[in-house]
Amino acid sequence: MMKELKIGRITSKKDYEKIAELIYSTDPYLYRDLFGDIECAKRVLTILLDDPRSVFHKDNYYLALLGKNIVGISALYKNTLKWDDSVVRNAFYEAKCKCPESFDTVSKYFWSVFDYVTTGISACNVTVLDGYRSNGIGTFLLEHLIMASGNATIDLNVIADNEPAVKLYAKHGFKVEEEYEDYGGFGNPPVMCLKMSRKNKNEGSE
């Protein structure tokens, strides 16, 4: 299967709903609380993927393609990350969806995550479509992100008990920098997460 995989970019609106479903599936807490449900997520993300002010803008994403089928996605952020809840609220309005009760709480979380200038490059939303997992697609996406970064320092965050993801990142040179309590869902206690980093090989050299 690996030989048949290709990297693609988001070029067709007909793929937006599938991409939205994959984004929604990457976190069991954040996107449920941000969008409310999968149907609303598909409608709102279809708008946000086209908005350059959005952290969900299509230019941030890479696709794993098997033939013409999208079987995985990943995101790579190289610039200043800025969360703007008004952009998301406007997308809800345009999509004729109601913001869930949890929106303000999860939006405050995104303010803390996406309101800084990156010291390196951030990766997130690495996910593979159900039915295609354990076939090397996650590895394929991650290796492309490393290549696309130019081997610069890459930071990412992962839920601590997501053992397959943690092992995948560790295998590719990511080391745990910090263990911390992170957003665990609206009205729920926090969950333990790991900040992992893959350092530029030239950093610290004499």
N, C-alpha and C. Protein backbone atom coordinates (compact mmCIF):
# COMPACT_ATOMS: atom_id res chain seq x y z
N MET A 1 0.82 -1.22 0.00
CA MET A 1 0.00 0.00 0.00
C MET A 1 0.85 1.27 0.00
N MET A 2 1.99 1.23 0.72
CA MET A 2 2.82 2.41 0.84
C MET A 2 3.26 2.94 -0.52
N LYS A 3 3.57 2.02 -1.47
CA LYS A 3 4.04 2.44 -2.78
C LYS A 3 2.95 3.17 -3.56
N GLU A 4 1.70 2.92 -3.22
CA GLU A 4 0.59 3.53 -3.94
C GLU A 4 0.16 4.86 -3.34
N LEU A 5 0.66 5.18 -2.15
CA LEU A 5 0.26 6.41 -1.47
C LEU A 5 0.93 7.63 -2.09
N LYS A 6 0.18 8.72 -2.13
CA LYS A 6 0.71 9.99 -2.58
C LYS A 6 0.26 11.10 -1.64
N ILE A 7 1.04 12.18 -1.61
CA ILE A 7 0.66 13.36 -0.84
C ILE A 7 -0.07 14.32 -1.76
N GLY A 8 -1.17 14.87 -1.27
CA GLY A 8 -1.92 15.85 -2.04
C GLY A 8 -2.27 17.06 -1.19
N ARG A 9 -2.78 18.08 -1.83
CA ARG A 9 -3.29 19.27 -1.15
C ARG A 9 -4.78 19.37 -1.41
N ILE A 10 -5.44 20.20 -0.65
CA ILE A 10 -6.88 20.37 -0.81
C ILE A 10 -7.14 21.31 -1.98
N THR A 11 -7.72 20.77 -3.03
CA THR A 11 -7.95 21.56 -4.24
C THR A 11 -9.40 21.56 -4.69
N SER A 12 -10.20 20.65 -4.17
CA SER A 12 -11.58 20.52 -4.66
C SER A 12 -12.59 20.63 -3.52
N LYS A 13 -13.57 21.46 -3.70
CA LYS A 13 -14.62 21.62 -2.69
C LYS A 13 -15.40 20.32 -2.46
N LYS A 14 -15.40 19.45 -3.45
CA LYS A 14 -16.16 18.19 -3.28
C LYS A 14 -15.56 17.31 -2.19
N ASP A 15 -14.31 17.59 -1.82
CA ASP A 15 -13.66 16.81 -0.77
C ASP A 15 -13.83 17.41 0.62
N TYR A 16 -14.43 18.58 0.71
CA TYR A 16 -14.47 19.30 1.98
C TYR A 16 -15.17 18.51 3.10
N GLU A 17 -16.27 17.85 2.77
CA GLU A 17 -17.00 17.13 3.82
C GLU A 17 -16.18 15.98 4.38
N LYS A 18 -15.51 15.23 3.52
CA LYS A 18 -14.68 14.12 3.99
C LYS A 18 -13.53 14.65 4.86
N ILE A 19 -12.91 15.75 4.42
CA ILE A 19 -11.82 16.35 5.19
C ILE A 19 -12.34 16.84 6.53
N ALA A 20 -13.52 17.44 6.53
CA ALA A 20 -14.13 17.90 7.79
C ALA A 20 -14.35 16.73 8.74
N GLU A 21 -14.81 15.62 8.23
CA GLU A 21 -15.02 14.43 9.07
C GLU A 21 -13.71 13.95 9.68
N LEU A 22 -12.63 13.99 8.91
CA LEU A 22 -11.33 13.56 9.42
C LEU A 22 -10.82 14.53 10.48
N ILE A 23 -10.96 15.82 10.24
CA ILE A 23 -10.54 16.80 11.25
C ILE A 23 -11.32 16.58 12.54
N TYR A 24 -12.62 16.39 12.42
CA TYR A 24 -13.48 16.20 13.60
C TYR A 24 -13.06 14.97 14.40
N SER A 25 -12.55 13.95 13.70
CA SER A 25 -12.21 12.69 14.36
C SER A 25 -10.86 12.73 15.07
N THR A 26 -10.08 13.82 14.88
CA THR A 26 -8.72 13.82 15.42
C THR A 26 -8.65 14.06 16.92
N ASP A 27 -9.70 14.57 17.52
CA ASP A 27 -9.69 14.82 18.97
C ASP A 27 -11.06 14.49 19.54
N PRO A 28 -11.11 13.68 20.62
CA PRO A 28 -12.42 13.26 21.16
C PRO A 28 -13.11 14.34 21.98
N TYR A 29 -12.45 15.45 22.25
CA TYR A 29 -13.03 16.49 23.10
C TYR A 29 -13.21 17.82 22.37
N LEU A 30 -12.14 18.31 21.77
CA LEU A 30 -12.12 19.68 21.26
C LEU A 30 -13.15 19.93 20.17
N TYR A 31 -13.18 19.09 19.16
CA TYR A 31 -14.02 19.40 18.01
C TYR A 31 -15.49 19.09 18.27
N ARG A 32 -15.74 18.14 19.14
CA ARG A 32 -17.13 17.91 19.57
C ARG A 32 -17.65 19.14 20.29
N ASP A 33 -16.82 19.71 21.18
CA ASP A 33 -17.25 20.87 21.96
C ASP A 33 -17.26 22.15 21.13
N LEU A 34 -16.41 22.21 20.11
CA LEU A 34 -16.38 23.41 19.27
C LEU A 34 -17.55 23.45 18.30
N PHE A 35 -17.86 22.32 17.68
CA PHE A 35 -18.87 22.30 16.62
C PHE A 35 -20.22 21.73 17.08
N GLY A 36 -20.23 20.96 18.14
CA GLY A 36 -21.48 20.40 18.63
C GLY A 36 -21.73 18.99 18.14
N ASP A 37 -21.68 18.77 16.84
CA ASP A 37 -21.85 17.43 16.29
C ASP A 37 -21.21 17.39 14.91
N ILE A 38 -21.13 16.21 14.36
CA ILE A 38 -20.42 16.02 13.09
C ILE A 38 -21.11 16.74 11.94
N GLU A 39 -22.42 16.78 11.92
CA GLU A 39 -23.12 17.43 10.82
C GLU A 39 -22.86 18.92 10.80
N CYS A 40 -22.86 19.54 11.97
CA CYS A 40 -22.56 20.96 12.06
C CYS A 40 -21.09 21.19 11.71
N ALA A 41 -20.22 20.29 12.16
CA ALA A 41 -18.79 20.41 11.85
C ALA A 41 -18.57 20.43 10.34
N LYS A 42 -19.25 19.56 9.62
CA LYS A 42 -19.07 19.49 8.17
C LYS A 42 -19.51 20.80 7.51
N ARG A 43 -20.60 21.35 7.97
CA ARG A 43 -21.12 22.58 7.36
C ARG A 43 -20.23 23.78 7.68
N VAL A 44 -19.78 23.87 8.93
CA VAL A 44 -18.96 25.01 9.35
C VAL A 44 -17.55 24.91 8.79
N LEU A 45 -16.95 23.73 8.85
CA LEU A 45 -15.59 23.56 8.35
C LEU A 45 -15.51 23.77 6.83
N THR A 46 -16.56 23.46 6.12
CA THR A 46 -16.60 23.71 4.69
C THR A 46 -16.37 25.19 4.40
N ILE A 47 -16.84 26.04 5.28
CA ILE A 47 -16.64 27.48 5.15
C ILE A 47 -15.25 27.88 5.64
N LEU A 48 -14.83 27.34 6.78
CA LEU A 48 -13.54 27.72 7.37
C LEU A 48 -12.35 27.25 6.55
N LEU A 49 -12.50 26.15 5.83
CA LEU A 49 -11.41 25.68 4.98
C LEU A 49 -11.05 26.69 3.89
N ASP A 50 -12.00 27.53 3.52
CA ASP A 50 -11.78 28.53 2.47
C ASP A 50 -11.38 29.90 3.02
N ASP A 51 -11.37 30.05 4.35
CA ASP A 51 -11.12 31.36 4.95
C ASP A 51 -9.67 31.46 5.40
N PRO A 52 -8.84 32.31 4.77
CA PRO A 52 -7.43 32.40 5.14
C PRO A 52 -7.19 32.92 6.54
N ARG A 53 -8.22 33.49 7.18
CA ARG A 53 -8.09 33.95 8.57
C ARG A 53 -8.25 32.81 9.56
N SER A 54 -8.70 31.67 9.09
CA SER A 54 -9.03 30.54 9.95
C SER A 54 -7.83 29.63 10.16
N VAL A 55 -7.69 29.09 11.39
CA VAL A 55 -6.63 28.10 11.63
C VAL A 55 -6.93 26.80 10.89
N PHE A 56 -8.14 26.67 10.37
CA PHE A 56 -8.54 25.48 9.60
C PHE A 56 -8.38 25.71 8.09
N HIS A 57 -7.69 26.77 7.69
CA HIS A 57 -7.58 27.06 6.26
C HIS A 57 -6.89 25.90 5.53
N LYS A 58 -7.36 25.63 4.33
CA LYS A 58 -6.94 24.45 3.56
C LYS A 58 -5.44 24.41 3.29
N ASP A 59 -4.77 25.57 3.24
CA ASP A 59 -3.34 25.59 2.92
C ASP A 59 -2.48 24.96 4.02
N ASN A 60 -3.06 24.77 5.20
CA ASN A 60 -2.32 24.16 6.31
C ASN A 60 -2.30 22.63 6.24
N TYR A 61 -3.10 22.05 5.35
CA TYR A 61 -3.32 20.60 5.38
C TYR A 61 -2.64 19.86 4.22
N TYR A 62 -2.22 18.64 4.54
CA TYR A 62 -1.74 17.69 3.55
C TYR A 62 -2.66 16.47 3.58
N LEU A 63 -2.86 15.86 2.43
CA LEU A 63 -3.72 14.69 2.30
C LEU A 63 -2.89 13.47 1.95
N ALA A 64 -3.26 12.33 2.52
CA ALA A 64 -2.74 11.04 2.07
C ALA A 64 -3.74 10.49 1.07
N LEU A 65 -3.30 10.26 -0.15
CA LEU A 65 -4.19 9.80 -1.22
C LEU A 65 -3.83 8.39 -1.65
N LEU A 66 -4.84 7.56 -1.74
CA LEU A 66 -4.69 6.22 -2.27
C LEU A 66 -5.54 6.20 -3.53
N GLY A 67 -4.87 6.34 -4.67
CA GLY A 67 -5.62 6.60 -5.89
C GLY A 67 -6.20 8.00 -5.78
N LYS A 68 -7.51 8.10 -5.95
CA LYS A 68 -8.19 9.39 -5.78
C LYS A 68 -8.86 9.51 -4.42
N ASN A 69 -8.71 8.50 -3.58
CA ASN A 69 -9.38 8.48 -2.28
C ASN A 69 -8.52 9.11 -1.19
N ILE A 70 -9.13 9.96 -0.39
CA ILE A 70 -8.46 10.56 0.76
C ILE A 70 -8.52 9.56 1.91
N VAL A 71 -7.35 9.12 2.39
CA VAL A 71 -7.32 8.12 3.46
C VAL A 71 -6.66 8.65 4.73
N GLY A 72 -6.22 9.90 4.71
CA GLY A 72 -5.62 10.49 5.90
C GLY A 72 -5.33 11.96 5.67
N ILE A 73 -5.15 12.70 6.78
CA ILE A 73 -4.80 14.11 6.70
C ILE A 73 -3.78 14.44 7.78
N SER A 74 -3.11 15.56 7.59
CA SER A 74 -2.23 16.10 8.62
C SER A 74 -2.13 17.60 8.39
N ALA A 75 -1.75 18.33 9.45
CA ALA A 75 -1.62 19.78 9.34
C ALA A 75 -0.24 20.21 9.79
N LEU A 76 0.28 21.23 9.12
CA LEU A 76 1.59 21.78 9.46
C LEU A 76 1.47 23.31 9.47
N TYR A 77 1.78 23.90 10.61
CA TYR A 77 1.70 25.35 10.77
C TYR A 77 3.10 25.94 10.81
N LYS A 78 3.41 26.84 9.88
CA LYS A 78 4.74 27.43 9.81
C LYS A 78 4.75 28.90 10.20
N ASN A 79 3.59 29.48 10.39
CA ASN A 79 3.51 30.92 10.65
C ASN A 79 2.86 31.20 12.00
N THR A 80 2.67 32.48 12.27
CA THR A 80 1.99 32.88 13.50
C THR A 80 0.61 32.24 13.55
N LEU A 81 0.27 31.65 14.68
CA LEU A 81 -1.02 31.02 14.86
C LEU A 81 -1.94 31.97 15.63
N LYS A 82 -3.06 32.28 15.05
CA LYS A 82 -3.96 33.24 15.68
C LYS A 82 -5.39 32.73 15.64
N TRP A 83 -5.96 32.54 16.81
CA TRP A 83 -7.36 32.12 16.91
C TRP A 83 -8.25 33.35 16.92
N ASP A 84 -9.29 33.35 16.12
CA ASP A 84 -10.25 34.44 16.07
C ASP A 84 -11.64 33.84 16.12
N ASP A 85 -12.26 33.92 17.32
CA ASP A 85 -13.57 33.26 17.45
C ASP A 85 -14.65 33.94 16.61
N SER A 86 -14.44 35.22 16.24
CA SER A 86 -15.44 35.88 15.40
C SER A 86 -15.49 35.26 14.00
N VAL A 87 -14.34 34.80 13.52
CA VAL A 87 -14.30 34.12 12.23
C VAL A 87 -15.12 32.83 12.28
N VAL A 88 -14.97 32.10 13.39
CA VAL A 88 -15.69 30.84 13.54
C VAL A 88 -17.18 31.10 13.74
N ARG A 89 -17.52 32.11 14.56
CA ARG A 89 -18.94 32.45 14.77
C ARG A 89 -19.60 32.85 13.45
N ASN A 90 -18.91 33.61 12.64
CA ASN A 90 -19.47 34.00 11.34
C ASN A 90 -19.71 32.78 10.45
N ALA A 91 -18.83 31.79 10.55
CA ALA A 91 -19.01 30.56 9.78
C ALA A 91 -20.23 29.80 10.27
N PHE A 92 -20.44 29.77 11.58
CA PHE A 92 -21.66 29.16 12.12
C PHE A 92 -22.89 29.85 11.56
N TYR A 93 -22.86 31.18 11.55
CA TYR A 93 -24.00 31.95 11.06
C TYR A 93 -24.25 31.65 9.59
N GLU A 94 -23.19 31.64 8.80
CA GLU A 94 -23.32 31.38 7.36
C GLU A 94 -23.82 29.97 7.10
N ALA A 95 -23.38 29.02 7.95
CA ALA A 95 -23.79 27.62 7.79
C ALA A 95 -25.17 27.35 8.38
N LYS A 96 -25.75 28.35 9.04
CA LYS A 96 -27.06 28.23 9.70
C LYS A 96 -27.02 27.15 10.78
N CYS A 97 -25.90 27.14 11.52
CA CYS A 97 -25.75 26.25 12.67
C CYS A 97 -25.71 27.08 13.94
N LYS A 98 -26.17 26.51 15.03
CA LYS A 98 -26.14 27.19 16.32
C LYS A 98 -24.89 26.79 17.08
N CYS A 99 -24.17 27.77 17.63
CA CYS A 99 -22.99 27.47 18.45
C CYS A 99 -23.43 26.66 19.67
N PRO A 100 -22.72 25.57 19.98
CA PRO A 100 -23.10 24.76 21.15
C PRO A 100 -22.81 25.50 22.45
N GLU A 101 -23.40 25.03 23.53
CA GLU A 101 -23.20 25.63 24.85
C GLU A 101 -21.71 25.66 25.22
N SER A 102 -20.97 24.69 24.74
CA SER A 102 -19.56 24.55 25.09
C SER A 102 -18.64 25.47 24.27
N PHE A 103 -19.19 26.22 23.33
CA PHE A 103 -18.35 26.98 22.39
C PHE A 103 -17.42 27.96 23.08
N ASP A 104 -17.94 28.77 24.01
CA ASP A 104 -17.12 29.79 24.66
C ASP A 104 -15.97 29.17 25.45
N THR A 105 -16.25 28.04 26.11
CA THR A 105 -15.21 27.39 26.91
C THR A 105 -14.10 26.86 26.03
N VAL A 106 -14.46 26.17 24.97
CA VAL A 106 -13.42 25.60 24.10
C VAL A 106 -12.73 26.70 23.30
N SER A 107 -13.44 27.79 23.00
CA SER A 107 -12.82 28.91 22.30
C SER A 107 -11.72 29.55 23.15
N LYS A 108 -11.95 29.66 24.46
CA LYS A 108 -10.92 30.19 25.36
C LYS A 108 -9.68 29.30 25.33
N TYR A 109 -9.91 28.00 25.22
CA TYR A 109 -8.77 27.09 25.12
C TYR A 109 -8.00 27.36 23.83
N PHE A 110 -8.72 27.50 22.72
CA PHE A 110 -8.04 27.76 21.45
C PHE A 110 -7.30 29.09 21.46
N TRP A 111 -7.82 30.08 22.19
CA TRP A 111 -7.10 31.34 22.33
C TRP A 111 -5.72 31.09 22.93
N SER A 112 -5.66 30.21 23.93
CA SER A 112 -4.37 29.95 24.59
C SER A 112 -3.42 29.16 23.70
N VAL A 113 -3.96 28.36 22.80
CA VAL A 113 -3.14 27.51 21.93
C VAL A 113 -2.68 28.26 20.68
N PHE A 114 -3.58 29.05 20.09
CA PHE A 114 -3.31 29.66 18.79
C PHE A 114 -3.06 31.17 18.89
N ASP A 115 -2.50 31.65 20.00
CA ASP A 115 -2.25 33.07 20.13
C ASP A 115 -0.78 33.30 20.47
N TYR A 116 0.08 32.79 19.63
CA TYR A 116 1.50 32.95 19.85
C TYR A 116 2.25 32.80 18.53
N VAL A 117 3.50 33.24 18.55
CA VAL A 117 4.37 33.04 17.39
C VAL A 117 5.17 31.77 17.63
N THR A 118 5.13 30.85 16.70
CA THR A 118 5.81 29.58 16.89
C THR A 118 7.32 29.77 16.91
N THR A 119 7.99 29.03 17.78
CA THR A 119 9.45 29.06 17.81
C THR A 119 10.01 28.09 16.77
N GLY A 120 9.21 27.15 16.38
CA GLY A 120 9.59 26.21 15.33
C GLY A 120 8.42 26.06 14.39
N ILE A 121 7.98 24.84 14.23
CA ILE A 121 6.83 24.52 13.39
C ILE A 121 5.93 23.59 14.18
N SER A 122 4.63 23.78 14.05
CA SER A 122 3.68 22.95 14.78
C SER A 122 2.97 21.99 13.85
N ALA A 123 2.82 20.75 14.29
CA ALA A 123 2.08 19.75 13.54
C ALA A 123 0.86 19.33 14.36
N CYS A 124 -0.22 19.02 13.69
CA CYS A 124 -1.40 18.51 14.40
C CYS A 124 -2.31 17.80 13.41
N ASN A 125 -3.39 17.24 13.95
CA ASN A 125 -4.43 16.61 13.14
C ASN A 125 -3.92 15.49 12.25
N VAL A 126 -2.90 14.75 12.70
CA VAL A 126 -2.45 13.58 11.95
C VAL A 126 -3.45 12.45 12.21
N THR A 127 -4.18 12.06 11.19
CA THR A 127 -5.19 11.02 11.40
C THR A 127 -5.39 10.22 10.11
N VAL A 128 -5.85 8.99 10.31
CA VAL A 128 -6.05 8.07 9.19
C VAL A 128 -7.50 7.59 9.22
N LEU A 129 -8.07 7.46 8.06
CA LEU A 129 -9.46 7.03 7.93
C LEU A 129 -9.66 5.63 8.50
N ASP A 130 -10.77 5.44 9.22
CA ASP A 130 -11.11 4.10 9.72
C ASP A 130 -11.09 3.10 8.57
N GLY A 131 -10.54 1.93 8.83
CA GLY A 131 -10.44 0.90 7.82
C GLY A 131 -9.11 0.90 7.09
N TYR A 132 -8.33 1.98 7.27
CA TYR A 132 -7.02 2.07 6.62
C TYR A 132 -5.88 2.16 7.62
N ARG A 133 -6.21 2.05 8.89
CA ARG A 133 -5.18 2.17 9.91
C ARG A 133 -4.32 0.92 9.96
N SER A 134 -3.14 1.06 10.58
CA SER A 134 -2.16 -0.04 10.69
C SER A 134 -1.63 -0.46 9.33
N ASN A 135 -1.62 0.47 8.38
CA ASN A 135 -1.08 0.20 7.05
C ASN A 135 0.06 1.14 6.69
N GLY A 136 0.59 1.85 7.68
CA GLY A 136 1.72 2.73 7.43
C GLY A 136 1.36 4.12 6.95
N ILE A 137 0.06 4.45 6.93
CA ILE A 137 -0.34 5.76 6.40
C ILE A 137 0.03 6.88 7.36
N GLY A 138 -0.12 6.63 8.67
CA GLY A 138 0.29 7.63 9.66
C GLY A 138 1.78 7.92 9.55
N THR A 139 2.58 6.87 9.38
CA THR A 139 4.02 7.03 9.19
C THR A 139 4.31 7.84 7.93
N PHE A 140 3.60 7.53 6.87
CA PHE A 140 3.75 8.23 5.59
C PHE A 140 3.48 9.73 5.75
N LEU A 141 2.40 10.07 6.44
CA LEU A 141 2.06 11.48 6.66
C LEU A 141 3.09 12.18 7.52
N LEU A 142 3.50 11.52 8.60
CA LEU A 142 4.46 12.14 9.51
C LEU A 142 5.80 12.37 8.84
N GLU A 143 6.25 11.40 8.06
CA GLU A 143 7.52 11.56 7.36
C GLU A 143 7.46 12.70 6.35
N HIS A 144 6.28 12.89 5.75
CA HIS A 144 6.14 14.02 4.83
C HIS A 144 6.19 15.34 5.59
N LEU A 145 5.55 15.41 6.76
CA LEU A 145 5.59 16.64 7.54
C LEU A 145 7.02 17.01 7.91
N ILE A 146 7.80 16.00 8.29
CA ILE A 146 9.21 16.25 8.64
C ILE A 146 9.96 16.79 7.43
N MET A 147 9.71 16.19 6.27
CA MET A 147 10.37 16.65 5.05
C MET A 147 9.91 18.06 4.68
N ALA A 148 8.59 18.31 4.79
CA ALA A 148 8.04 19.62 4.43
C ALA A 148 8.53 20.71 5.36
N SER A 149 8.93 20.34 6.57
CA SER A 149 9.44 21.32 7.53
C SER A 149 10.87 21.72 7.23
N GLY A 150 11.52 21.00 6.33
CA GLY A 150 12.93 21.24 6.07
C GLY A 150 13.80 20.79 7.23
N ASN A 151 13.30 19.80 7.97
CA ASN A 151 13.99 19.28 9.15
C ASN A 151 14.15 20.33 10.25
N ALA A 152 13.28 21.35 10.23
CA ALA A 152 13.26 22.32 11.33
C ALA A 152 12.65 21.67 12.57
N THR A 153 12.77 22.35 13.69
CA THR A 153 12.15 21.85 14.91
C THR A 153 10.63 21.80 14.73
N ILE A 154 10.03 20.68 15.10
CA ILE A 154 8.58 20.51 15.03
C ILE A 154 8.06 20.19 16.43
N ASP A 155 7.02 20.90 16.84
CA ASP A 155 6.34 20.63 18.10
C ASP A 155 4.97 20.05 17.81
N LEU A 156 4.52 19.19 18.70
CA LEU A 156 3.15 18.68 18.62
C LEU A 156 2.68 18.30 20.01
N ASN A 157 1.38 18.13 20.14
CA ASN A 157 0.77 17.72 21.41
C ASN A 157 -0.07 16.49 21.17
N VAL A 158 -0.05 15.58 22.14
CA VAL A 158 -0.77 14.33 21.99
C VAL A 158 -1.30 13.89 23.35
N ILE A 159 -2.49 13.30 23.37
CA ILE A 159 -3.04 12.77 24.61
C ILE A 159 -2.13 11.65 25.11
N ALA A 160 -1.78 11.70 26.38
CA ALA A 160 -0.74 10.82 26.92
C ALA A 160 -1.07 9.34 26.77
N ASP A 161 -2.35 8.97 26.86
CA ASP A 161 -2.68 7.55 26.78
C ASP A 161 -2.94 7.07 25.35
N ASN A 162 -2.66 7.92 24.37
CA ASN A 162 -2.76 7.51 22.96
C ASN A 162 -1.44 6.83 22.59
N GLU A 163 -1.28 5.61 23.07
CA GLU A 163 0.01 4.92 22.93
C GLU A 163 0.48 4.75 21.49
N PRO A 164 -0.40 4.37 20.55
CA PRO A 164 0.07 4.22 19.17
C PRO A 164 0.67 5.51 18.61
N ALA A 165 0.02 6.65 18.89
CA ALA A 165 0.53 7.92 18.38
C ALA A 165 1.85 8.29 19.05
N VAL A 166 1.92 8.12 20.36
CA VAL A 166 3.15 8.45 21.10
C VAL A 166 4.32 7.61 20.57
N LYS A 167 4.08 6.32 20.34
CA LYS A 167 5.14 5.45 19.83
C LYS A 167 5.57 5.86 18.42
N LEU A 168 4.59 6.24 17.59
CA LEU A 168 4.91 6.68 16.23
C LEU A 168 5.80 7.91 16.26
N TYR A 169 5.43 8.89 17.07
CA TYR A 169 6.22 10.12 17.15
C TYR A 169 7.61 9.84 17.70
N ALA A 170 7.69 9.02 18.75
CA ALA A 170 8.99 8.71 19.34
C ALA A 170 9.90 8.01 18.34
N LYS A 171 9.32 7.13 17.53
CA LYS A 171 10.09 6.41 16.52
C LYS A 171 10.71 7.36 15.50
N HIS A 172 10.09 8.52 15.32
CA HIS A 172 10.56 9.48 14.33
C HIS A 172 11.30 10.65 14.99
N GLY A 173 11.82 10.43 16.17
CA GLY A 173 12.71 11.40 16.78
C GLY A 173 12.06 12.44 17.67
N PHE A 174 10.76 12.31 17.93
CA PHE A 174 10.10 13.25 18.84
C PHE A 174 10.34 12.81 20.28
N LYS A 175 10.69 13.77 21.11
CA LYS A 175 10.94 13.48 22.53
C LYS A 175 9.97 14.27 23.38
N VAL A 176 9.58 13.68 24.52
CA VAL A 176 8.65 14.34 25.43
C VAL A 176 9.35 15.51 26.10
N GLU A 177 8.78 16.70 25.93
CA GLU A 177 9.31 17.90 26.56
C GLU A 177 8.57 18.24 27.85
N GLU A 178 7.30 17.86 27.89
CA GLU A 178 6.46 18.26 29.02
C GLU A 178 5.24 17.37 29.10
N GLU A 179 4.81 17.04 30.31
CA GLU A 179 3.53 16.39 30.55
C GLU A 179 2.66 17.37 31.30
N TYR A 180 1.45 17.56 30.86
CA TYR A 180 0.62 18.61 31.44
C TYR A 180 -0.86 18.24 31.36
N GLU A 181 -1.66 18.94 32.16
CA GLU A 181 -3.11 18.75 32.11
C GLU A 181 -3.69 19.62 31.01
N ASP A 182 -4.53 19.02 30.18
CA ASP A 182 -5.08 19.73 29.04
C ASP A 182 -6.60 19.58 29.02
N TYR A 183 -7.21 20.27 28.09
CA TYR A 183 -8.67 20.29 27.97
C TYR A 183 -9.23 18.88 27.83
N GLY A 184 -10.17 18.54 28.71
CA GLY A 184 -10.73 17.20 28.72
C GLY A 184 -12.20 17.14 28.37
N GLY A 185 -12.73 18.22 27.85
CA GLY A 185 -14.14 18.23 27.48
C GLY A 185 -14.94 19.16 28.37
N PHE A 186 -16.01 19.69 27.84
CA PHE A 186 -16.86 20.66 28.53
C PHE A 186 -17.43 20.06 29.82
N GLY A 187 -17.09 20.67 30.94
CA GLY A 187 -17.61 20.21 32.23
C GLY A 187 -16.90 18.99 32.77
N ASN A 188 -15.86 18.53 32.09
CA ASN A 188 -15.12 17.34 32.51
C ASN A 188 -13.75 17.73 33.05
N PRO A 189 -13.14 16.85 33.86
CA PRO A 189 -11.79 17.13 34.35
C PRO A 189 -10.78 17.12 33.21
N PRO A 190 -9.63 17.74 33.41
CA PRO A 190 -8.61 17.75 32.36
C PRO A 190 -8.04 16.36 32.11
N VAL A 191 -7.39 16.19 30.97
CA VAL A 191 -6.71 14.94 30.63
C VAL A 191 -5.21 15.22 30.55
N MET A 192 -4.42 14.19 30.76
CA MET A 192 -2.98 14.35 30.67
C MET A 192 -2.54 14.30 29.21
N CYS A 193 -1.72 15.27 28.84
CA CYS A 193 -1.20 15.34 27.48
C CYS A 193 0.32 15.48 27.52
N LEU A 194 0.93 15.22 26.38
CA LEU A 194 2.36 15.35 26.23
C LEU A 194 2.68 16.38 25.16
N LYS A 195 3.62 17.27 25.46
CA LYS A 195 4.20 18.10 24.41
C LYS A 195 5.45 17.38 23.95
N MET A 196 5.52 17.08 22.65
CA MET A 196 6.66 16.38 22.08
C MET A 196 7.32 17.26 21.03
N SER A 197 8.61 17.13 20.90
CA SER A 197 9.35 17.98 19.99
C SER A 197 10.41 17.18 19.25
N ARG A 198 10.55 17.46 17.98
CA ARG A 198 11.63 16.89 17.17
C ARG A 198 12.57 18.02 16.82
N LYS A 199 13.74 18.04 17.39
CA LYS A 199 14.65 19.16 17.26
C LYS A 199 15.36 19.16 15.92
N ASN A 200 15.62 20.36 15.43
CA ASN A 200 16.50 20.55 14.29
C ASN A 200 17.86 19.96 14.64
N LYS A 201 18.37 19.09 13.80
CA LYS A 201 19.63 18.39 14.11
C LYS A 201 20.81 19.36 14.25
N ASN A 202 20.68 20.55 13.68
CA ASN A 202 21.79 21.51 13.75
C ASN A 202 21.74 22.38 14.99
N GLU A 203 20.61 22.32 15.75
CA GLU A 203 20.49 23.13 16.94
C GLU A 203 21.46 22.67 18.00
N GLY A 204 22.12 23.59 18.62
CA GLY A 204 23.00 23.26 19.72
C GLY A 204 24.35 22.78 19.29
N SER A 205 24.60 22.69 17.97
CA SER A 205 25.90 22.20 17.52
C SER A 205 26.94 23.32 17.62
N GLU A 206 28.14 22.96 17.91
CA GLU A 206 29.23 23.94 18.07
C GLU A 206 29.91 24.18 16.72
